[in-house]
Amino acid sequence: MNIVLLGIVVYVLCQLLIGVFMTRRVKTEADYLLAGRGIGLGLGSFTVFATWFGAETCIGAAGSIYENGLAGGSADPFGYAACLLFMALVFAVPLWKRGLTTFADLFHSRYSPGVERLAVLMLAPTSVMWAGAQIRGFGQVLAASSELEVEIAVSAAAAVVILYTAYGGMMADVMTDFVQGIALILGLAVLFFVVMQAGGMAALQRVEPEKLQLFGGTAQPWWTTLEAWAIPICGSVFSQELVARVLCSRSSGVARNACLVGGGMYLAVGLIPVAIGLAGVSLMPGLEHPEQLLPRLAQQHLGTLAYILFAGALISAVLSTVDSALLAASALVAHNLLMPLKPHLGETAKVRLSRSMVALFGFVAYVLALTAEGVHDLVEEASAFGSAGVFVAAVFALSGRWGGAASAYAALVAGMATWIAGAHVLELDAPYLVSLLAALGAYVLTALFHRRPH
């Protein structure tokens, strides 16, 4: 084992120890899933930032911008930063005031238990795909830091992630987010400074103008550009990972402000992979795996100790995001699908059930990480999968009482069916926009039909 890989292993083990230590504070399901609903602004801001800032923001975004220019960042960091701002300004306060345990509880209280269960079947796969993206990113960092093959590195990453997540609950996640967020900011700042000094600034000045088109340029149809932005914003604003950060806050004001501050941090730090991705075309031309741009530049320009710290910070941020994604899938399935079947289950048994779901979904995420084409592809698929109907039904649920269970069913089914047909059968240019319109139309038409006198 080389010294860099050894350093990464030690770094990750330290994060594992933090997670295991914090489990002693987990006594109830609310402790495990929502950290007792007592998170303040400081920890809340860092957990929003660290949870959102994962493999796709560093590994995926830098690689996508390396290949496609600034338009490759329409999802990360720009689209997902807009998503956090959207949550803060529109949805954080009304969500917190509902007193939910999971996002699917909203569908139970506003529509029906059947709508709740259908929503879970659409939301849980999204979190698992998100976790798969992080595991793949973790594997890419390990592969770039050692002589391991990517498949072997992904397997090692999955083993660590599943162990870490099964032990830690939301409190462990939040506490490690704080440490990991600081480490990530420092690590990326050091890398940015060194790369810019080593020719990166000159490389940025040579970037072709078409590479600086954030919205795809005039050659791209407007609906394709709108599609690229709608997926991260509408597709992720109601993800269980983000909603859980809102629900674990100690007040509605903290929930709103944590998303605002965390979103600002996300955008500011996310501009570092953007700049490196643009400069990387000149600094490392012809990369076979563009997703390895960031760790390979770090390995080339940083000393051994500095690289260990950078890689450790990046990996710990990935771990935090995976923790949140697997915890989200576990919460939805355990709390909203399985626990209602055993209403008298004790708190210890509830926590045990949630942890077993983490292990199961961790294995599924590992399989996805091995078979996906790349981190960016997994993240985009995760954001689009079934989210159109969920978005429409949730907006109506939070904005009033118009439309009932039938409308929600119609929106969920229409959104999912239209997206699957548009993306994988008809191969439309903007399948997500079509699915949003279909879900909205299905909800409205069904509501109007049920208001008619019969």
Protein backbone atom coordinates (compact mmCIF):
# COMPACT_ATOMS: atom_id res chain seq x y z
CA MET A 1 0.00 0.00 0.00
CA ASN A 2 1.52 3.36 -1.03
CA ILE A 3 1.74 6.21 1.43
CA VAL A 4 -1.06 8.23 -0.24
CA LEU A 5 -3.52 5.34 -0.07
CA LEU A 6 -2.47 4.64 3.53
CA GLY A 7 -3.08 8.27 4.43
CA ILE A 8 -6.54 8.17 2.85
CA VAL A 9 -7.40 4.99 4.78
CA VAL A 10 -6.37 6.62 8.07
CA TYR A 11 -8.37 9.74 7.23
CA VAL A 12 -11.50 7.72 6.44
CA LEU A 13 -11.14 5.65 9.60
CA CYS A 14 -11.13 8.87 11.62
CA GLN A 15 -14.45 9.81 10.03
CA LEU A 16 -15.80 6.37 10.83
CA LEU A 17 -14.82 6.78 14.47
CA ILE A 18 -16.68 10.11 14.67
CA GLY A 19 -19.75 8.46 13.22
CA VAL A 20 -19.60 5.50 15.60
CA PHE A 21 -19.03 7.75 18.61
CA MET A 22 -22.12 9.83 17.84
CA THR A 23 -24.36 6.75 17.68
CA ARG A 24 -24.41 6.69 21.48
CA ARG A 25 -26.82 9.63 21.30
CA VAL A 26 -29.29 7.69 19.15
CA LYS A 27 -32.17 6.43 21.30
CA THR A 28 -35.27 6.93 19.14
CA GLU A 29 -36.27 7.02 15.49
CA ALA A 30 -36.39 10.83 15.63
CA ASP A 31 -32.80 10.84 16.95
CA TYR A 32 -31.63 8.58 14.14
CA LEU A 33 -33.49 10.30 11.29
CA LEU A 34 -33.70 13.96 12.43
CA ALA A 35 -31.06 14.47 15.15
CA GLY A 36 -33.81 15.23 17.66
CA ARG A 37 -34.97 18.25 15.60
CA GLY A 38 -32.43 20.47 17.38
CA ILE A 39 -29.90 21.58 14.73
CA GLY A 40 -28.90 25.27 14.80
CA LEU A 41 -27.86 27.64 12.01
CA GLY A 42 -24.12 26.91 12.04
CA LEU A 43 -24.35 23.13 11.87
CA GLY A 44 -27.43 23.41 9.64
CA SER A 45 -25.60 25.50 7.05
CA PHE A 46 -22.63 23.16 6.96
CA THR A 47 -24.80 20.05 6.69
CA VAL A 48 -26.73 21.56 3.77
CA PHE A 49 -23.44 22.48 2.07
CA ALA A 50 -21.63 19.20 2.74
CA THR A 51 -24.61 17.02 1.86
CA TRP A 52 -25.14 18.79 -1.46
CA PHE A 53 -21.41 19.13 -2.23
CA GLY A 54 -20.42 15.60 -3.17
CA ALA A 55 -18.78 13.62 -5.94
CA GLU A 56 -20.88 15.13 -8.71
CA THR A 57 -19.88 18.68 -7.74
CA CYS A 58 -16.13 17.99 -7.71
CA ILE A 59 -15.52 14.91 -9.83
CA GLY A 60 -18.57 15.07 -12.10
CA ALA A 61 -18.80 18.83 -12.65
CA ALA A 62 -15.08 19.28 -13.34
CA GLY A 63 -15.20 16.38 -15.81
CA SER A 64 -18.39 17.61 -17.50
CA ILE A 65 -17.04 21.15 -17.89
CA TYR A 66 -13.75 19.71 -19.16
CA GLU A 67 -15.73 18.05 -21.97
CA ASN A 68 -18.56 20.53 -22.61
CA GLY A 69 -17.43 23.91 -21.35
CA LEU A 70 -19.41 26.07 -18.93
CA ALA A 71 -22.72 24.62 -20.17
CA GLY A 72 -21.63 21.35 -18.56
CA GLY A 73 -22.18 23.05 -15.19
CA SER A 74 -25.86 23.82 -15.74
CA ALA A 75 -26.62 21.16 -13.13
CA ASP A 76 -23.52 21.45 -10.96
CA PRO A 77 -22.88 23.86 -9.40
CA PHE A 78 -25.32 26.40 -10.86
CA GLY A 79 -28.55 24.40 -11.06
CA TYR A 80 -28.23 22.78 -7.65
CA ALA A 81 -27.29 26.12 -6.06
CA ALA A 82 -30.52 27.54 -7.51
CA CYS A 83 -32.33 24.52 -6.05
CA LEU A 84 -31.12 25.37 -2.53
CA LEU A 85 -32.16 29.00 -2.99
CA PHE A 86 -35.60 27.83 -4.22
CA MET A 87 -36.02 25.65 -1.12
CA ALA A 88 -34.96 28.47 1.22
CA LEU A 89 -37.22 31.17 -0.21
CA VAL A 90 -40.33 29.14 -1.01
CA PHE A 91 -40.64 25.77 0.73
CA ALA A 92 -38.43 25.58 3.85
CA VAL A 93 -40.79 27.36 6.25
CA PRO A 94 -44.05 25.62 5.27
CA LEU A 95 -42.32 22.23 5.28
CA TRP A 96 -40.86 22.75 8.76
CA LYS A 97 -44.19 23.91 10.17
CA ARG A 98 -45.83 20.63 9.11
CA GLY A 99 -43.84 18.69 11.75
CA LEU A 100 -43.04 15.85 9.35
CA THR A 101 -40.60 12.99 9.96
CA THR A 102 -40.02 12.28 6.26
CA PHE A 103 -41.09 14.12 3.11
CA ALA A 104 -43.51 11.29 2.27
CA ASP A 105 -45.47 12.15 5.43
CA LEU A 106 -46.71 15.21 3.54
CA PHE A 107 -48.50 12.98 1.04
CA HIS A 108 -50.02 10.94 3.86
CA SER A 109 -51.45 13.95 5.69
CA ARG A 110 -52.52 15.92 2.62
CA TYR A 111 -53.72 13.14 0.31
CA SER A 112 -53.87 9.51 1.51
CA PRO A 113 -51.71 6.59 2.70
CA GLY A 114 -51.86 5.16 -0.83
CA VAL A 115 -50.41 8.34 -2.34
CA GLU A 116 -47.75 8.27 0.40
CA ARG A 117 -46.71 4.73 -0.56
CA LEU A 118 -46.60 5.53 -4.28
CA ALA A 119 -44.47 8.62 -3.58
CA VAL A 120 -42.02 6.50 -1.57
CA LEU A 121 -41.65 4.09 -4.49
CA MET A 122 -40.60 7.06 -6.62
CA LEU A 123 -38.47 8.91 -4.08
CA ALA A 124 -36.42 6.03 -2.62
CA PRO A 125 -34.82 4.99 -5.96
CA THR A 126 -33.73 8.61 -6.46
CA SER A 127 -31.76 8.54 -3.20
CA VAL A 128 -30.20 5.17 -4.03
CA MET A 129 -29.08 6.43 -7.46
CA TRP A 130 -27.64 9.52 -5.79
CA ALA A 131 -25.71 7.28 -3.40
CA GLY A 132 -24.44 5.25 -6.35
CA ALA A 133 -23.05 8.42 -7.89
CA GLN A 134 -21.15 9.23 -4.71
CA ILE A 135 -19.76 5.71 -4.38
CA ARG A 136 -18.54 5.84 -7.97
CA GLY A 137 -16.92 9.22 -7.29
CA PHE A 138 -15.26 7.79 -4.17
CA GLY A 139 -13.92 4.94 -6.28
CA GLN A 140 -12.57 7.36 -8.89
CA VAL A 141 -10.61 9.20 -6.20
CA LEU A 142 -9.17 5.95 -4.83
CA ALA A 143 -8.28 4.76 -8.33
CA ALA A 144 -6.52 8.04 -9.13
CA SER A 145 -4.65 7.92 -5.81
CA SER A 146 -3.35 4.37 -6.16
CA GLU A 147 -2.77 1.55 -8.62
CA LEU A 148 -6.21 0.05 -7.99
CA GLU A 149 -8.57 -0.60 -10.90
CA VAL A 150 -11.70 1.56 -10.85
CA GLU A 151 -13.95 -1.48 -10.22
CA ILE A 152 -11.86 -2.59 -7.23
CA ALA A 153 -11.75 0.96 -5.89
CA VAL A 154 -15.54 1.29 -6.21
CA SER A 155 -15.97 -1.98 -4.30
CA ALA A 156 -13.72 -0.76 -1.49
CA ALA A 157 -15.58 2.55 -1.43
CA ALA A 158 -18.94 0.81 -1.13
CA ALA A 159 -17.80 -1.31 1.81
CA VAL A 160 -16.65 1.75 3.76
CA VAL A 161 -19.75 3.77 2.91
CA ILE A 162 -22.22 1.07 3.95
CA LEU A 163 -20.43 0.56 7.28
CA TYR A 164 -20.22 4.29 7.96
CA THR A 165 -23.88 4.93 7.15
CA ALA A 166 -25.30 1.95 9.01
CA TYR A 167 -23.63 3.14 12.22
CA GLY A 168 -24.34 6.86 11.90
CA GLY A 169 -27.69 8.59 12.05
CA MET A 170 -28.52 12.22 11.32
CA MET A 171 -26.59 13.52 14.33
CA ALA A 172 -23.44 11.70 13.26
CA ASP A 173 -24.03 12.95 9.72
CA VAL A 174 -24.40 16.57 10.85
CA MET A 175 -21.33 16.50 13.08
CA THR A 176 -19.10 14.94 10.44
CA ASP A 177 -20.53 17.38 7.87
CA PHE A 178 -19.14 20.26 9.91
CA VAL A 179 -15.64 18.78 10.04
CA GLN A 180 -15.74 17.56 6.47
CA GLY A 181 -17.09 20.85 5.13
CA ILE A 182 -14.20 22.82 6.59
CA ALA A 183 -11.69 20.25 5.31
CA LEU A 184 -13.22 20.30 1.84
CA ILE A 185 -13.16 24.10 1.59
CA LEU A 186 -9.52 24.23 2.68
CA GLY A 187 -8.50 21.35 0.40
CA LEU A 188 -10.12 22.82 -2.71
CA ALA A 189 -8.79 26.30 -1.92
CA VAL A 190 -5.23 24.96 -1.69
CA LEU A 191 -5.62 23.02 -4.94
CA PHE A 192 -7.07 26.05 -6.73
CA PHE A 193 -4.21 28.29 -5.62
CA VAL A 194 -1.53 25.77 -6.65
CA VAL A 195 -3.12 24.93 -10.03
CA MET A 196 -3.60 28.61 -10.90
CA GLN A 197 0.04 29.28 -10.04
CA ALA A 198 1.14 26.31 -12.17
CA GLY A 199 -0.37 27.59 -15.41
CA GLY A 200 -4.06 27.46 -14.65
CA MET A 201 -4.56 31.23 -14.86
CA ALA A 202 -2.96 31.36 -18.27
CA ALA A 203 -5.02 28.34 -19.36
CA LEU A 204 -8.23 30.15 -18.35
CA GLN A 205 -7.29 33.09 -20.53
CA ARG A 206 -7.00 30.72 -23.51
CA VAL A 207 -10.44 29.16 -23.09
CA GLU A 208 -12.43 29.37 -26.32
CA PRO A 209 -15.46 31.74 -26.17
CA GLU A 210 -17.95 28.98 -27.02
CA LYS A 211 -16.78 27.09 -23.93
CA LEU A 212 -18.01 30.01 -21.79
CA GLN A 213 -21.65 29.75 -22.88
CA LEU A 214 -23.47 28.89 -19.65
CA PHE A 215 -26.82 28.42 -21.37
CA GLY A 216 -25.60 26.28 -24.25
CA GLY A 217 -25.17 28.97 -26.90
CA THR A 218 -27.44 29.90 -29.78
CA ALA A 219 -27.07 26.53 -31.50
CA GLN A 220 -28.95 24.76 -28.70
CA PRO A 221 -32.79 24.95 -28.65
CA TRP A 222 -34.25 26.89 -25.73
CA TRP A 223 -36.18 23.89 -24.47
CA THR A 224 -32.98 21.84 -24.21
CA THR A 225 -31.40 24.55 -22.08
CA LEU A 226 -34.52 24.83 -19.94
CA GLU A 227 -34.50 21.05 -19.52
CA ALA A 228 -30.91 21.12 -18.24
CA TRP A 229 -31.88 23.61 -15.53
CA ALA A 230 -35.29 22.16 -14.65
CA ILE A 231 -33.87 18.75 -13.75
CA PRO A 232 -31.60 19.89 -10.88
CA ILE A 233 -34.02 22.56 -9.61
CA CYS A 234 -37.47 20.92 -9.81
CA GLY A 235 -36.07 17.40 -9.65
CA SER A 236 -34.13 17.86 -6.40
CA VAL A 237 -35.84 20.56 -4.36
CA PHE A 238 -38.07 17.92 -2.72
CA SER A 239 -35.41 15.24 -2.31
CA GLN A 240 -35.58 13.54 1.07
CA GLU A 241 -31.92 14.47 1.70
CA LEU A 242 -32.67 18.19 1.51
CA VAL A 243 -36.07 18.03 3.19
CA ALA A 244 -34.49 16.14 6.12
CA ARG A 245 -32.12 19.11 6.68
CA VAL A 246 -35.12 21.40 6.87
CA LEU A 247 -37.00 19.10 9.26
CA CYS A 248 -34.08 18.60 11.65
CA SER A 249 -33.67 22.36 12.20
CA ARG A 250 -34.69 23.79 15.57
CA SER A 251 -36.96 26.46 14.01
CA SER A 252 -38.47 27.52 10.69
CA GLY A 253 -36.10 30.50 10.54
CA VAL A 254 -33.09 28.26 10.99
CA ALA A 255 -34.40 25.94 8.28
CA ARG A 256 -34.72 28.82 5.80
CA ASN A 257 -31.43 30.51 6.66
CA ALA A 258 -29.44 27.27 6.71
CA CYS A 259 -30.52 26.62 3.11
CA LEU A 260 -29.61 30.19 2.14
CA VAL A 261 -26.16 30.13 3.75
CA GLY A 262 -25.47 26.54 2.67
CA GLY A 263 -26.50 27.37 -0.88
CA GLY A 264 -24.19 30.38 -0.95
CA MET A 265 -21.30 28.26 0.30
CA TYR A 266 -22.15 25.60 -2.27
CA LEU A 267 -22.00 28.05 -5.18
CA ALA A 268 -18.84 29.81 -3.98
CA VAL A 269 -16.86 26.61 -3.42
CA GLY A 270 -18.41 25.00 -6.51
CA LEU A 271 -16.79 27.65 -8.72
CA ILE A 272 -13.41 26.04 -7.98
CA PRO A 273 -14.14 22.82 -9.94
CA VAL A 274 -15.67 25.02 -12.66
CA ALA A 275 -12.46 27.00 -13.08
CA ILE A 276 -10.27 23.90 -12.92
CA GLY A 277 -12.48 22.11 -15.43
CA LEU A 278 -12.12 24.98 -17.91
CA ALA A 279 -8.35 25.21 -17.37
CA GLY A 280 -7.93 21.43 -17.42
CA VAL A 281 -8.40 21.23 -21.20
CA SER A 282 -5.00 22.91 -21.59
CA LEU A 283 -3.35 21.53 -18.47
CA MET A 284 -4.27 17.86 -19.09
CA PRO A 285 -5.47 17.44 -22.68
CA GLY A 286 -6.91 14.14 -23.90
CA LEU A 287 -7.91 12.57 -20.56
CA GLU A 288 -9.51 9.16 -21.07
CA HIS A 289 -11.55 9.57 -17.86
CA PRO A 290 -12.39 13.30 -17.44
CA GLU A 291 -13.88 12.56 -14.02
CA GLN A 292 -10.35 11.98 -12.74
CA LEU A 293 -9.22 15.52 -13.69
CA LEU A 294 -9.40 16.99 -10.19
CA PRO A 295 -7.60 14.20 -8.28
CA ARG A 296 -4.95 13.85 -11.02
CA LEU A 297 -4.18 17.58 -10.97
CA ALA A 298 -3.96 17.41 -7.19
CA GLN A 299 -1.62 14.43 -7.39
CA GLN A 300 0.57 16.24 -9.92
CA HIS A 301 0.80 19.64 -8.23
CA LEU A 302 0.47 18.93 -4.51
CA GLY A 303 3.06 17.36 -2.26
CA THR A 304 2.35 14.00 -0.65
CA LEU A 305 1.01 15.36 2.63
CA ALA A 306 -1.08 18.08 0.96
CA TYR A 307 -2.49 15.53 -1.48
CA ILE A 308 -3.45 13.18 1.34
CA LEU A 309 -5.29 16.03 3.04
CA PHE A 310 -7.01 17.02 -0.22
CA ALA A 311 -8.06 13.47 -1.11
CA GLY A 312 -9.18 12.83 2.45
CA ALA A 313 -11.30 15.96 2.46
CA LEU A 314 -12.86 15.09 -0.88
CA ILE A 315 -13.60 11.52 0.18
CA SER A 316 -15.05 12.58 3.51
CA ALA A 317 -17.42 14.95 1.68
CA VAL A 318 -18.45 12.07 -0.55
CA LEU A 319 -19.03 9.92 2.52
CA SER A 320 -21.27 12.57 4.01
CA THR A 321 -23.37 12.78 0.86
CA VAL A 322 -23.69 9.00 0.65
CA ASP A 323 -24.65 8.88 4.30
CA SER A 324 -27.48 11.32 3.62
CA ALA A 325 -28.69 9.52 0.49
CA LEU A 326 -28.76 6.06 2.06
CA LEU A 327 -30.32 7.49 5.22
CA ALA A 328 -33.00 9.12 3.05
CA ALA A 329 -33.90 5.89 1.25
CA SER A 330 -33.90 4.01 4.55
CA ALA A 331 -36.15 6.59 6.21
CA LEU A 332 -38.70 6.54 3.41
CA VAL A 333 -38.98 2.76 3.16
CA ALA A 334 -38.70 1.95 6.87
CA HIS A 335 -40.84 4.81 8.24
CA ASN A 336 -43.47 5.10 5.49
CA LEU A 337 -43.74 1.54 4.12
CA LEU A 338 -42.63 -1.00 6.74
CA MET A 339 -43.37 0.54 10.13
CA PRO A 340 -47.08 1.11 9.39
CA LEU A 341 -47.33 -2.68 9.02
CA LYS A 342 -46.20 -2.99 12.67
CA PRO A 343 -47.68 0.03 14.47
CA HIS A 344 -46.57 -1.12 17.94
CA LEU A 345 -42.88 -1.42 17.07
CA GLY A 346 -40.56 -0.05 19.80
CA GLU A 347 -38.03 2.72 19.26
CA THR A 348 -35.02 0.36 19.39
CA ALA A 349 -36.60 -1.90 16.80
CA LYS A 350 -37.35 1.11 14.60
CA VAL A 351 -33.72 2.19 14.62
CA ARG A 352 -32.60 -1.39 13.92
CA LEU A 353 -34.97 -1.59 10.96
CA SER A 354 -33.70 1.70 9.55
CA ARG A 355 -30.10 0.50 9.81
CA SER A 356 -30.89 -2.75 8.01
CA MET A 357 -32.47 -0.76 5.18
CA VAL A 358 -29.29 1.30 4.94
CA ALA A 359 -27.27 -1.87 4.37
CA LEU A 360 -29.69 -3.14 1.73
CA PHE A 361 -29.77 0.10 -0.22
CA GLY A 362 -26.02 0.46 0.11
CA PHE A 363 -25.58 -2.80 -1.78
CA VAL A 364 -27.99 -1.64 -4.50
CA ALA A 365 -26.10 1.66 -4.80
CA TYR A 366 -22.86 -0.30 -5.16
CA VAL A 367 -24.27 -2.26 -8.10
CA LEU A 368 -25.39 1.00 -9.74
CA ALA A 369 -21.94 2.52 -9.21
CA LEU A 370 -20.33 -0.39 -11.05
CA THR A 371 -22.71 -0.30 -14.03
CA ALA A 372 -23.20 3.46 -14.58
CA GLU A 373 -21.37 5.29 -17.35
CA GLY A 374 -20.31 8.10 -15.06
CA VAL A 375 -21.05 10.18 -11.98
CA HIS A 376 -22.78 12.94 -13.95
CA ASP A 377 -25.11 10.46 -15.68
CA LEU A 378 -26.15 8.89 -12.37
CA VAL A 379 -26.90 12.26 -10.79
CA GLU A 380 -28.99 13.46 -13.73
CA GLU A 381 -30.93 10.17 -13.77
CA ALA A 382 -31.47 10.44 -10.02
CA SER A 383 -32.84 13.98 -10.27
CA ALA A 384 -35.23 13.16 -13.13
CA PHE A 385 -36.50 9.75 -11.96
CA GLY A 386 -40.17 10.15 -11.02
CA SER A 387 -39.63 13.64 -9.65
CA ALA A 388 -41.95 15.53 -12.03
CA GLY A 389 -45.13 14.16 -10.49
CA VAL A 390 -43.70 14.43 -6.98
CA PHE A 391 -42.87 18.10 -7.58
CA VAL A 392 -46.35 18.95 -8.88
CA ALA A 393 -48.21 17.07 -6.12
CA ALA A 394 -45.98 18.58 -3.40
CA VAL A 395 -46.44 22.16 -4.65
CA PHE A 396 -50.23 21.75 -4.57
CA ALA A 397 -50.02 20.06 -1.15
CA LEU A 398 -48.11 22.99 0.35
CA SER A 399 -50.07 25.76 -1.36
CA GLY A 400 -53.66 24.86 -0.48
CA ARG A 401 -56.39 22.26 -0.44
CA TRP A 402 -57.30 22.21 -4.14
CA GLY A 403 -57.17 18.69 -5.56
CA GLY A 404 -57.29 15.44 -3.65
CA ALA A 405 -55.84 11.95 -3.66
CA ALA A 406 -57.06 11.22 -7.20
CA SER A 407 -55.27 14.31 -8.52
CA ALA A 408 -52.05 13.32 -6.75
CA TYR A 409 -52.24 9.78 -8.12
CA ALA A 410 -52.78 11.16 -11.62
CA ALA A 411 -49.81 13.55 -11.36
CA LEU A 412 -47.43 10.90 -10.00
CA VAL A 413 -48.34 8.30 -12.60
CA ALA A 414 -48.46 10.73 -15.54
CA GLY A 415 -45.13 12.29 -14.61
CA MET A 416 -43.35 8.96 -14.26
CA ALA A 417 -44.88 7.35 -17.37
CA THR A 418 -44.21 10.39 -19.55
CA TRP A 419 -40.63 10.71 -18.41
CA ILE A 420 -39.86 7.02 -19.00
CA ALA A 421 -41.45 7.15 -22.46
CA GLY A 422 -39.82 10.42 -23.39
CA ALA A 423 -36.33 9.62 -22.11
CA HIS A 424 -35.99 5.92 -22.92
CA VAL A 425 -38.48 5.14 -25.70
CA LEU A 426 -39.11 8.26 -27.78
CA GLU A 427 -35.74 9.84 -26.83
CA LEU A 428 -37.16 13.37 -26.77
CA ASP A 429 -34.90 16.41 -26.47
CA ALA A 430 -36.66 17.58 -23.29
CA PRO A 431 -38.36 14.57 -21.65
CA TYR A 432 -38.34 16.10 -18.18
CA LEU A 433 -40.16 19.25 -19.27
CA VAL A 434 -42.74 17.10 -21.03
CA SER A 435 -43.18 15.02 -17.87
CA LEU A 436 -43.65 18.18 -15.76
CA LEU A 437 -46.35 19.44 -18.12
CA ALA A 438 -48.00 16.01 -18.18
CA ALA A 439 -48.04 15.81 -14.38
CA LEU A 440 -49.44 19.34 -14.06
CA GLY A 441 -52.11 18.67 -16.68
CA ALA A 442 -53.09 15.37 -15.06
CA TYR A 443 -53.42 16.97 -11.61
CA VAL A 444 -55.49 19.93 -12.85
CA LEU A 445 -57.79 17.92 -15.12
CA THR A 446 -58.46 15.32 -12.43
CA ALA A 447 -59.20 18.02 -9.85
CA LEU A 448 -61.59 19.77 -12.23
CA PHE A 449 -63.34 16.49 -13.06
CA HIS A 450 -63.94 15.70 -9.39
CA ARG A 451 -65.38 19.18 -8.80
CA ARG A 452 -68.04 18.70 -11.48
CA PRO A 453 -71.51 17.79 -10.21
CA HIS A 454 -72.44 14.20 -11.14
